[in-house]
Amino acid sequence: MYELKTLLPQFDIKLPTCMYELKNVSLSADPATSISSGGCSASEFSSSINSRNSVTCALDLDILGRQIQHLLKQDDTASIAMRQEKVLQQLEALKAQLGKIRADLGVCGKTVQHTTAYQNGGLKEVPLQDIVINGHPNFIPYALLALKNAWRDLYTVNVKTFTHSTMADIGPAAREFEAKLAKIPVNNALPNINVTLIWKNCEHTEMISSPTMYVPIYGEVNVIRYLGRVGPVEYRYEGSPLCNEIDLVLDICYQLLRCSTHKAQVAMVRLLDKRLQQQQYFGGSQMSVADIGVYSSLIRIPAITDKDLTPALLAWRKRAKLVTQI
C-alpha cells in the first residue's frame, strides 16, 4: 500500500509540575499487600485456576480489601482539616479589617435592615443611599413630616432643606413646614435615611435615589412607596395580605392630587370612604403608608373641607392626626 510520511515526530512528553501531585496508590510498604511487582505470574495464575489449594493471585479480592483499608488509614484528612482551619482564620482576620475600615469611615451598620422575604416582599436589600427630593412650595410633601413623626421611635428620617436659585421666596407655608421638621429630634441610634429636600420651580415632586445617574421617581405617592419599602418593618406592606388594597388607596391619592375640578376631587374622596369601610385605618387595624398618603393628600388640597368628608373619614382623620401630629 501507499506509505504515508510521519507527520508528527517523536517527542519526549514532560509532565507538568504545577499541578497537585497525588500519591501512588499502587505502592505499599507492606510486601504482603504490594502489587507493584506486576501481580502474579502467568504460571501462578494458571495453577490457581487448576488447583484450589495453590497460592492466590495478587489481585485477589482479599488483598484489594486490605489495600483499601491501608489507604483509608492514611492521614490525608488531617492535612485538609488544617488547611480549612487556616482559611477560616484568614476570613476572620479579613472581617476584622473590614469592620475597622467601616468604623474609620463612620458608616452606620444599622442603616441596612436584614429582613425575611415575607417582611419585604422578597426584595433584595441593598445599602441605602441619601436621597434628594425636588419639590415646589405650592405642593409641599407633607408625607415627609408625617412619616418623621410616625416613625420617631422606629426609624429616623433626617430631612435637610435647601432653596434652589429658581425660587425667590418659598412662602410662609413652606417655612412653617421646615420649622416643624426641625422640631422633631433625630435619633442616630436608630436606622436612618438622609433626605435632602430642595425647593425648586418644578412641576412635580420628584425623588432621586441614585447618586450616579439621574433616574427620578415622580409623585409624592411614589416617594411614600419607596420610603415605606426601605423604612421600618412595621410599615412594609409588600408581604402583607392587604398589599393590593394599600396600593389601590395610594393610586386614588395620586388621582386626587391631579383632579382639576372640585367635583372630581369629591368623587375621589367618596372612593376613599368606600376603601375605608368599617376599618380604623386604610391598612386595617394599624396605621400604614396608605394612611400617610391620604392624610398628606387631604392637607395639600385646601378646597376639600369637613363638609366634603364623611363621618367615617372625619373619625379616621382624628386617629391619624394623633400619629402624624400635623
Protein backbone atom coordinates (compact mmCIF):
# COMPACT_ATOMS: atom_id res chain seq x y z
CA MET A 1 0.00 0.00 0.00
CA TYR A 2 0.98 3.64 -0.35
CA GLU A 3 3.21 4.62 2.51
CA LEU A 4 2.42 7.89 4.32
CA LYS A 5 5.05 10.07 5.80
CA THR A 6 5.15 10.61 9.53
CA LEU A 7 3.54 13.97 10.18
CA LEU A 8 4.33 14.19 13.89
CA PRO A 9 7.88 13.42 15.01
CA GLN A 10 8.56 11.65 18.26
CA PHE A 11 8.68 13.93 21.27
CA ASP A 12 9.52 13.30 24.87
CA ILE A 13 6.41 14.29 26.82
CA LYS A 14 7.21 16.02 30.08
CA LEU A 15 4.54 16.05 32.72
CA PRO A 16 3.72 19.46 34.27
CA THR A 17 5.00 20.12 37.74
CA CYS A 18 2.49 22.87 38.64
CA MET A 19 -0.38 20.51 39.45
CA TYR A 20 -1.11 18.87 42.78
CA GLU A 21 0.72 15.56 42.93
CA LEU A 22 -1.30 12.55 44.05
CA LYS A 23 0.20 9.69 45.94
CA ASN A 24 0.77 6.42 44.06
CA VAL A 25 -1.92 4.14 45.41
CA SER A 26 -0.27 1.10 43.82
CA LEU A 27 2.75 1.29 46.10
CA SER A 28 2.69 -0.02 49.65
CA ALA A 29 5.25 -0.55 52.34
CA ASP A 30 3.71 -3.91 53.23
CA PRO A 31 5.17 -6.57 50.97
CA ALA A 32 2.21 -8.80 51.68
CA THR A 33 -0.18 -6.26 50.19
CA SER A 34 2.04 -4.86 47.45
CA ILE A 35 1.15 -5.42 43.81
CA SER A 36 3.90 -3.20 42.39
CA SER A 37 5.73 -6.22 41.09
CA GLY A 38 3.05 -6.65 38.46
CA GLY A 39 0.87 -9.17 40.29
CA CYS A 40 1.11 -12.92 39.84
CA SER A 41 2.94 -14.61 37.03
CA ALA A 42 1.25 -16.47 34.22
CA SER A 43 2.15 -19.86 35.71
CA GLU A 44 0.81 -18.93 39.12
CA PHE A 45 -2.38 -17.62 37.55
CA SER A 46 -2.76 -20.84 35.58
CA SER A 47 -2.18 -23.01 38.64
CA SER A 48 -4.73 -21.03 40.62
CA ILE A 49 -7.34 -21.99 38.09
CA ASN A 50 -6.40 -25.66 38.08
CA SER A 51 -5.97 -26.01 41.84
CA ARG A 52 -7.96 -24.51 44.76
CA ASN A 53 -5.05 -25.03 47.17
CA SER A 54 -2.43 -23.04 45.21
CA VAL A 55 -1.21 -19.54 46.11
CA THR A 56 -3.90 -16.97 45.34
CA CYS A 57 -3.24 -14.24 42.83
CA ALA A 58 -2.16 -10.74 43.96
CA LEU A 59 -5.36 -9.36 42.52
CA ASP A 60 -7.44 -11.40 44.91
CA LEU A 61 -10.37 -9.51 46.47
CA ASP A 62 -9.00 -10.01 49.97
CA ILE A 63 -5.73 -8.32 49.02
CA LEU A 64 -7.62 -5.44 47.40
CA GLY A 65 -9.68 -5.05 50.54
CA ARG A 66 -6.54 -4.82 52.69
CA GLN A 67 -5.06 -2.25 50.31
CA ILE A 68 -8.19 -0.09 50.53
CA GLN A 69 -8.12 -0.25 54.32
CA HIS A 70 -4.46 0.74 54.26
CA LEU A 71 -5.24 3.79 52.12
CA LEU A 72 -8.10 4.85 54.38
CA LYS A 73 -5.79 4.84 57.36
CA GLN A 74 -3.53 7.47 55.81
CA ASP A 75 -3.68 10.89 57.47
CA ASP A 76 -4.75 12.96 54.42
CA THR A 77 -7.94 14.18 56.13
CA ALA A 78 -5.91 15.79 58.91
CA SER A 79 -3.98 17.97 56.44
CA ILE A 80 -7.24 19.01 54.74
CA ALA A 81 -8.74 19.98 58.08
CA MET A 82 -5.66 22.05 58.91
CA ARG A 83 -5.89 23.93 55.62
CA GLN A 84 -9.60 24.59 56.18
CA GLU A 85 -8.92 25.94 59.66
CA LYS A 86 -6.25 28.24 58.23
CA VAL A 87 -8.70 29.60 55.61
CA LEU A 88 -11.31 30.28 58.30
CA GLN A 89 -8.77 32.20 60.35
CA GLN A 90 -7.87 34.31 57.33
CA LEU A 91 -11.55 35.09 56.72
CA GLU A 92 -11.99 36.19 60.34
CA ALA A 93 -8.96 38.47 60.02
CA LEU A 94 -10.40 39.96 56.81
CA LYS A 95 -13.74 40.55 58.51
CA ALA A 96 -12.00 42.39 61.35
CA GLN A 97 -10.12 44.58 58.86
CA LEU A 98 -13.34 45.48 57.02
CA GLY A 99 -15.00 46.31 60.35
CA LYS A 100 -12.15 48.66 61.21
CA ILE A 101 -12.39 50.36 57.81
CA ARG A 102 -16.16 50.73 58.29
CA ALA A 103 -15.64 52.32 61.70
CA ASP A 104 -12.97 54.72 60.39
CA LEU A 105 -15.30 55.86 57.59
CA GLY A 106 -18.14 56.40 60.05
CA VAL A 107 -20.55 54.12 58.20
CA CYS A 108 -23.52 53.14 60.36
CA GLY A 109 -24.07 49.41 60.33
CA LYS A 110 -27.74 49.83 61.25
CA THR A 111 -28.65 51.59 58.02
CA VAL A 112 -29.38 48.30 56.28
CA GLN A 113 -32.06 46.17 57.91
CA HIS A 114 -31.88 42.47 57.16
CA THR A 115 -35.39 41.08 56.95
CA THR A 116 -37.07 37.98 55.69
CA ALA A 117 -38.60 37.69 52.24
CA TYR A 118 -42.10 37.88 53.76
CA GLN A 119 -41.35 41.15 55.53
CA ASN A 120 -40.07 42.87 52.42
CA GLY A 121 -41.91 41.14 49.62
CA GLY A 122 -38.93 39.03 48.57
CA LEU A 123 -36.88 42.07 47.55
CA LYS A 124 -33.13 42.02 47.77
CA GLU A 125 -31.98 44.77 50.07
CA VAL A 126 -29.04 47.00 49.25
CA PRO A 127 -27.27 49.70 51.28
CA LEU A 128 -29.38 52.86 51.30
CA GLN A 129 -28.13 55.97 49.58
CA ASP A 130 -29.02 59.51 50.58
CA ILE A 131 -31.98 60.65 48.52
CA VAL A 132 -32.82 64.04 47.05
CA ILE A 133 -36.38 65.32 46.66
CA ASN A 134 -37.22 68.31 44.47
CA GLY A 135 -40.49 69.95 45.45
CA HIS A 136 -42.40 73.12 44.73
CA PRO A 137 -43.53 75.25 47.73
CA ASN A 138 -47.07 75.11 46.35
CA PHE A 139 -47.01 71.29 46.60
CA ILE A 140 -45.42 70.69 49.97
CA PRO A 141 -44.65 66.99 50.60
CA TYR A 142 -46.33 66.73 53.98
CA ALA A 143 -45.74 62.99 53.89
CA LEU A 144 -42.13 63.59 54.99
CA LEU A 145 -43.35 65.32 58.14
CA ALA A 146 -45.98 62.65 58.76
CA LEU A 147 -43.50 59.80 58.36
CA LYS A 148 -40.91 61.50 60.53
CA ASN A 149 -43.47 61.81 63.33
CA ALA A 150 -44.97 58.35 62.87
CA TRP A 151 -41.56 56.64 62.79
CA ARG A 152 -39.82 58.64 65.52
CA ASP A 153 -39.42 55.55 67.74
CA LEU A 154 -38.71 53.12 64.88
CA TYR A 155 -36.75 54.90 62.17
CA THR A 156 -35.15 58.29 61.62
CA VAL A 157 -35.94 60.32 58.51
CA ASN A 158 -33.33 63.08 58.64
CA VAL A 159 -34.59 65.88 56.35
CA LYS A 160 -32.48 68.90 55.39
CA THR A 161 -34.00 71.65 53.25
CA PHE A 162 -32.39 73.96 50.68
CA THR A 163 -33.74 76.56 48.27
CA HIS A 164 -32.87 76.45 44.56
CA SER A 165 -31.92 79.59 42.68
CA THR A 166 -35.16 79.31 40.67
CA MET A 167 -37.18 80.18 43.81
CA ALA A 168 -37.10 83.78 45.03
CA ASP A 169 -39.26 83.04 48.07
CA ILE A 170 -40.70 79.75 49.32
CA GLY A 171 -43.59 81.35 51.17
CA PRO A 172 -44.92 81.09 54.74
CA ALA A 173 -46.41 77.59 54.39
CA ALA A 174 -43.07 76.08 53.34
CA ARG A 175 -41.23 77.93 56.11
CA GLU A 176 -43.71 76.60 58.67
CA PHE A 177 -43.19 73.12 57.23
CA GLU A 178 -39.41 73.49 57.69
CA ALA A 179 -39.86 74.63 61.28
CA LYS A 180 -42.00 71.59 62.13
CA LEU A 181 -39.42 69.29 60.56
CA ALA A 182 -36.64 70.86 62.65
CA LYS A 183 -38.59 70.37 65.90
CA ILE A 184 -38.60 66.58 65.56
CA PRO A 185 -35.41 65.23 67.20
CA VAL A 186 -33.05 62.98 65.25
CA ASN A 187 -32.06 59.71 66.93
CA ASN A 188 -28.82 58.50 65.37
CA ALA A 189 -29.06 55.22 67.29
CA LEU A 190 -31.98 54.17 65.08
CA PRO A 191 -31.73 53.07 61.44
CA ASN A 192 -31.91 56.19 59.34
CA ILE A 193 -32.05 57.63 55.87
CA ASN A 194 -30.90 61.13 54.96
CA VAL A 195 -33.27 63.17 52.78
CA THR A 196 -32.34 66.45 51.09
CA LEU A 197 -35.42 68.49 50.18
CA ILE A 198 -34.76 71.20 47.59
CA TRP A 199 -37.42 73.83 46.98
CA LYS A 200 -37.39 74.19 43.22
CA ASN A 201 -39.57 75.54 40.43
CA CYS A 202 -40.66 72.11 39.19
CA GLU A 203 -44.00 70.78 38.05
CA HIS A 204 -43.98 67.50 40.00
CA THR A 205 -42.49 66.31 43.25
CA GLU A 206 -39.56 64.14 42.19
CA MET A 207 -37.13 61.96 44.09
CA ILE A 208 -33.62 60.95 43.02
CA SER A 209 -32.40 57.81 44.74
CA SER A 210 -29.23 57.11 42.73
CA PRO A 211 -26.17 59.37 43.15
CA THR A 212 -24.62 58.19 39.88
CA MET A 213 -27.48 58.54 37.42
CA TYR A 214 -30.49 60.83 37.15
CA VAL A 215 -33.45 58.45 37.40
CA PRO A 216 -36.23 60.36 39.20
CA ILE A 217 -39.33 58.94 40.85
CA TYR A 218 -42.27 61.25 40.18
CA GLY A 219 -45.11 61.95 42.57
CA GLU A 220 -45.36 62.16 46.34
CA VAL A 221 -47.30 58.88 46.43
CA ASN A 222 -44.42 57.03 44.79
CA VAL A 223 -41.98 58.64 47.22
CA ILE A 224 -44.14 57.23 50.02
CA ARG A 225 -43.97 53.80 48.40
CA TYR A 226 -40.18 53.96 48.28
CA LEU A 227 -39.79 55.13 51.89
CA GLY A 228 -42.28 52.50 53.03
CA ARG A 229 -40.19 49.86 51.29
CA VAL A 230 -36.91 50.82 52.97
CA GLY A 231 -38.35 52.08 56.26
CA PRO A 232 -39.24 50.19 59.44
CA VAL A 233 -40.55 46.65 59.16
CA GLU A 234 -43.87 47.62 60.70
CA TYR A 235 -44.70 49.81 57.68
CA ARG A 236 -43.54 47.46 54.92
CA TYR A 237 -46.63 46.17 53.18
CA GLU A 238 -45.45 44.21 50.12
CA GLY A 239 -45.65 40.92 52.01
CA SER A 240 -48.97 41.79 53.64
CA PRO A 241 -52.31 40.26 52.55
CA LEU A 242 -53.53 43.87 52.16
CA CYS A 243 -50.77 44.77 49.70
CA ASN A 244 -53.10 45.31 46.75
CA GLU A 245 -55.55 47.29 48.89
CA ILE A 246 -52.82 49.67 50.09
CA ASP A 247 -51.56 50.15 46.54
CA LEU A 248 -55.10 50.93 45.37
CA VAL A 249 -55.54 53.60 48.08
CA LEU A 250 -52.23 55.20 47.09
CA ASP A 251 -53.35 55.20 43.45
CA ILE A 252 -56.54 57.03 44.44
CA CYS A 253 -54.39 59.63 46.24
CA TYR A 254 -52.34 60.07 43.07
CA GLN A 255 -55.51 60.76 41.06
CA LEU A 256 -56.90 63.02 43.80
CA LEU A 257 -53.87 65.33 43.62
CA ARG A 258 -54.35 65.69 39.87
CA CYS A 259 -58.07 66.47 39.79
CA SER A 260 -58.75 69.81 38.10
CA THR A 261 -62.25 70.43 39.50
CA HIS A 262 -63.75 70.31 42.96
CA LYS A 263 -66.40 67.87 41.75
CA ALA A 264 -63.72 65.41 40.66
CA GLN A 265 -61.94 65.81 43.99
CA VAL A 266 -65.12 64.99 45.93
CA ALA A 267 -65.62 61.92 43.75
CA MET A 268 -62.13 60.67 44.73
CA VAL A 269 -62.93 61.32 48.39
CA ARG A 270 -66.02 59.11 48.05
CA LEU A 271 -63.79 56.34 46.67
CA LEU A 272 -61.53 56.69 49.72
CA ASP A 273 -64.56 56.41 52.00
CA LYS A 274 -65.52 53.12 50.32
CA ARG A 275 -61.99 51.75 50.78
CA LEU A 276 -62.01 52.69 54.49
CA GLN A 277 -65.32 50.88 55.14
CA GLN A 278 -65.54 49.93 58.83
CA GLN A 279 -61.78 49.77 59.46
CA GLN A 280 -59.90 52.10 61.76
CA TYR A 281 -57.19 52.66 59.16
CA PHE A 282 -56.79 52.07 55.43
CA GLY A 283 -54.33 49.28 56.19
CA GLY A 284 -56.60 47.51 58.66
CA SER A 285 -56.33 47.85 62.42
CA GLN A 286 -52.93 49.56 62.29
CA MET A 287 -51.68 52.63 60.50
CA SER A 288 -49.83 52.10 57.21
CA VAL A 289 -48.25 54.13 54.43
CA ALA A 290 -51.71 54.31 52.82
CA ASP A 291 -52.91 56.45 55.72
CA ILE A 292 -49.83 58.67 55.34
CA GLY A 293 -50.66 59.16 51.66
CA VAL A 294 -54.33 60.01 52.27
CA TYR A 295 -53.56 62.35 55.18
CA SER A 296 -50.90 64.26 53.22
CA SER A 297 -53.13 64.49 50.12
CA LEU A 298 -56.03 65.98 52.05
CA ILE A 299 -53.76 68.62 53.59
CA ARG A 300 -52.42 69.57 50.17
CA ILE A 301 -55.96 70.27 48.86
CA PRO A 302 -57.45 73.07 50.99
CA ALA A 303 -60.56 73.09 48.78
CA ILE A 304 -61.68 69.86 50.47
CA THR A 305 -63.33 70.90 53.73
CA ASP A 306 -65.01 68.95 56.52
CA LYS A 307 -68.29 69.18 54.62
CA ASP A 308 -66.80 67.05 51.86
CA LEU A 309 -65.67 64.32 54.27
CA THR A 310 -67.92 61.54 55.53
CA PRO A 311 -68.26 60.80 59.28
CA ALA A 312 -66.01 57.76 58.84
CA LEU A 313 -63.28 59.86 57.23
CA LEU A 314 -63.59 62.55 59.91
CA ALA A 315 -63.15 59.95 62.66
CA TRP A 316 -60.21 58.43 60.78
CA ARG A 317 -58.54 61.83 60.42
CA LYS A 318 -58.63 62.35 64.19
CA ARG A 319 -56.94 58.99 64.76
CA ALA A 320 -54.32 59.68 62.08
CA LYS A 321 -53.56 63.13 63.49
CA LEU A 322 -52.56 61.60 66.83
CA VAL A 323 -49.84 59.63 65.00
CA THR A 324 -48.71 62.13 62.38
CA GLN A 325 -49.07 65.15 64.71
CA ILE A 326 -49.62 67.57 61.82
